Amino acid sequence: MLTLDQLRHLLRESAGADEDVDLDGDILDTGFEALGYDSIALIETVARIGRDHGVRLDDDAVTTVRTPRELLGLVNDANVLRAG
């Protein structure tokens, strides 16, 4: 299960982070664009999730997520299906 803190760490390591954005705040429902992450940075983050956590996500599904909450849900749902 991917946690918000783990996602924050991955976001910080991915391209696109604006130093003025506070990732430590309540970001669950903040849009990735507002956090300074474009689609390329999000794809890089998803690739790291796959590499670091073994969770592979469908490219089409990834393009629909707009917030960290949605991405965590997608990752954790995929992780449950993989484990089940």
C-alpha atoms as a PDB file:
ATOM      1  CA  MET A   1       0.000   0.000   0.000  1.00  0.00           C
ATOM      2  CA  LEU A   2       1.398   3.354  -1.043  1.00  0.00           C
ATOM      3  CA  THR A   3       1.044   6.062   1.594  1.00  0.00           C
ATOM      4  CA  LEU A   4       0.751   9.803   1.135  1.00  0.00           C
ATOM      5  CA  ASP A   5       4.211  10.261   2.657  1.00  0.00           C
ATOM      6  CA  GLN A   6       5.695   7.800   0.154  1.00  0.00           C
ATOM      7  CA  LEU A   7       3.930   9.619  -2.674  1.00  0.00           C
ATOM      8  CA  ARG A   8       5.277  12.954  -1.422  1.00  0.00           C
ATOM      9  CA  HIS A   9       8.788  11.511  -1.501  1.00  0.00           C
ATOM     10  CA  LEU A  10       8.304  10.301  -5.076  1.00  0.00           C
ATOM     11  CA  LEU A  11       6.826  13.638  -6.154  1.00  0.00           C
ATOM     12  CA  ARG A  12       9.795  15.502  -4.699  1.00  0.00           C
ATOM     13  CA  GLU A  13      12.174  13.282  -6.657  1.00  0.00           C
ATOM     14  CA  SER A  14      10.236  13.651  -9.917  1.00  0.00           C
ATOM     15  CA  ALA A  15      10.607  16.490 -12.363  1.00  0.00           C
ATOM     16  CA  GLY A  16       8.257  19.435 -12.193  1.00  0.00           C
ATOM     17  CA  ALA A  17       8.195  20.309  -8.506  1.00  0.00           C
ATOM     18  CA  ASP A  18       7.903  24.013  -7.842  1.00  0.00           C
ATOM     19  CA  GLU A  19       9.965  24.967  -4.817  1.00  0.00           C
ATOM     20  CA  ASP A  20       7.177  27.324  -3.713  1.00  0.00           C
ATOM     21  CA  VAL A  21       4.687  24.451  -3.410  1.00  0.00           C
ATOM     22  CA  ASP A  22       4.296  22.992   0.066  1.00  0.00           C
ATOM     23  CA  LEU A  23       3.971  19.247  -0.404  1.00  0.00           C
ATOM     24  CA  ASP A  24       3.835  18.835   3.374  1.00  0.00           C
ATOM     25  CA  GLY A  25       0.438  20.502   3.580  1.00  0.00           C
ATOM     26  CA  ASP A  26      -2.961  18.979   2.920  1.00  0.00           C
ATOM     27  CA  ILE A  27      -2.409  18.037  -0.734  1.00  0.00           C
ATOM     28  CA  LEU A  28      -4.714  15.039  -1.103  1.00  0.00           C
ATOM     29  CA  ASP A  29      -7.321  16.954  -3.091  1.00  0.00           C
ATOM     30  CA  THR A  30      -5.034  19.547  -4.682  1.00  0.00           C
ATOM     31  CA  GLY A  31      -4.700  19.176  -8.428  1.00  0.00           C
ATOM     32  CA  PHE A  32      -1.335  18.079  -9.761  1.00  0.00           C
ATOM     33  CA  GLU A  33      -1.214  21.190 -11.947  1.00  0.00           C
ATOM     34  CA  ALA A  34      -1.611  23.395  -8.869  1.00  0.00           C
ATOM     35  CA  LEU A  35       1.252  21.449  -7.291  1.00  0.00           C
ATOM     36  CA  GLY A  36       3.428  22.215 -10.322  1.00  0.00           C
ATOM     37  CA  TYR A  37       3.299  18.754 -11.913  1.00  0.00           C
ATOM     38  CA  ASP A  38       2.584  18.420 -15.597  1.00  0.00           C
ATOM     39  CA  SER A  39       1.729  15.179 -17.369  1.00  0.00           C
ATOM     40  CA  ILE A  40       5.397  14.336 -17.993  1.00  0.00           C
ATOM     41  CA  ALA A  41       6.253  14.683 -14.291  1.00  0.00           C
ATOM     42  CA  LEU A  42       3.246  12.549 -13.404  1.00  0.00           C
ATOM     43  CA  ILE A  43       4.298   9.852 -15.867  1.00  0.00           C
ATOM     44  CA  GLU A  44       7.766   9.872 -14.299  1.00  0.00           C
ATOM     45  CA  THR A  45       6.210   9.537 -10.842  1.00  0.00           C
ATOM     46  CA  VAL A  46       4.065   6.600 -11.990  1.00  0.00           C
ATOM     47  CA  ALA A  47       7.126   4.941 -13.536  1.00  0.00           C
ATOM     48  CA  ARG A  48       8.935   5.256 -10.197  1.00  0.00           C
ATOM     49  CA  ILE A  49       5.937   3.767  -8.406  1.00  0.00           C
ATOM     50  CA  GLY A  50       6.152   0.802 -10.769  1.00  0.00           C
ATOM     51  CA  ARG A  51       9.876   0.405 -10.279  1.00  0.00           C
ATOM     52  CA  ASP A  52       9.994   1.027  -6.520  1.00  0.00           C
ATOM     53  CA  HIS A  53       6.714  -0.607  -5.482  1.00  0.00           C
ATOM     54  CA  GLY A  54       6.058  -3.133  -8.232  1.00  0.00           C
ATOM     55  CA  VAL A  55       2.680  -1.660  -9.150  1.00  0.00           C
ATOM     56  CA  ARG A  56       2.060  -1.296 -12.878  1.00  0.00           C
ATOM     57  CA  LEU A  57      -0.680   1.085 -13.915  1.00  0.00           C
ATOM     58  CA  ASP A  58      -2.587   1.303 -17.169  1.00  0.00           C
ATOM     59  CA  ASP A  59      -1.492   4.393 -19.124  1.00  0.00           C
ATOM     60  CA  ASP A  60      -5.081   5.359 -19.892  1.00  0.00           C
ATOM     61  CA  ALA A  61      -6.060   5.212 -16.224  1.00  0.00           C
ATOM     62  CA  VAL A  62      -3.081   7.344 -15.235  1.00  0.00           C
ATOM     63  CA  THR A  63      -4.153  10.135 -17.576  1.00  0.00           C
ATOM     64  CA  THR A  64      -7.445  10.441 -15.707  1.00  0.00           C
ATOM     65  CA  VAL A  65      -6.024  11.121 -12.234  1.00  0.00           C
ATOM     66  CA  ARG A  66      -5.984  14.748 -11.207  1.00  0.00           C
ATOM     67  CA  THR A  67      -5.085  14.672  -7.498  1.00  0.00           C
ATOM     68  CA  PRO A  68      -2.819  12.745  -5.135  1.00  0.00           C
ATOM     69  CA  ARG A  69      -5.929  11.121  -3.606  1.00  0.00           C
ATOM     70  CA  GLU A  70      -6.955   9.760  -7.012  1.00  0.00           C
ATOM     71  CA  LEU A  71      -3.433   8.507  -7.744  1.00  0.00           C
ATOM     72  CA  LEU A  72      -3.166   6.796  -4.351  1.00  0.00           C
ATOM     73  CA  GLY A  73      -6.544   5.143  -4.945  1.00  0.00           C
ATOM     74  CA  LEU A  74      -5.474   3.911  -8.367  1.00  0.00           C
ATOM     75  CA  VAL A  75      -2.148   2.577  -7.078  1.00  0.00           C
ATOM     76  CA  ASN A  76      -3.606   0.934  -4.000  1.00  0.00           C
ATOM     77  CA  ASP A  77      -6.508  -0.614  -5.922  1.00  0.00           C
ATOM     78  CA  ALA A  78      -4.028  -2.057  -8.425  1.00  0.00           C
ATOM     79  CA  ASN A  79      -1.886  -3.326  -5.563  1.00  0.00           C
ATOM     80  CA  VAL A  80      -4.877  -5.118  -3.991  1.00  0.00           C
ATOM     81  CA  LEU A  81      -5.766  -6.741  -7.316  1.00  0.00           C
ATOM     82  CA  ARG A  82      -2.158  -7.847  -7.797  1.00  0.00           C
ATOM     83  CA  ALA A  83      -2.015  -9.336  -4.283  1.00  0.00           C
ATOM     84  CA  GLY A  84      -5.425 -10.985  -4.541  1.00  0.00           C
END
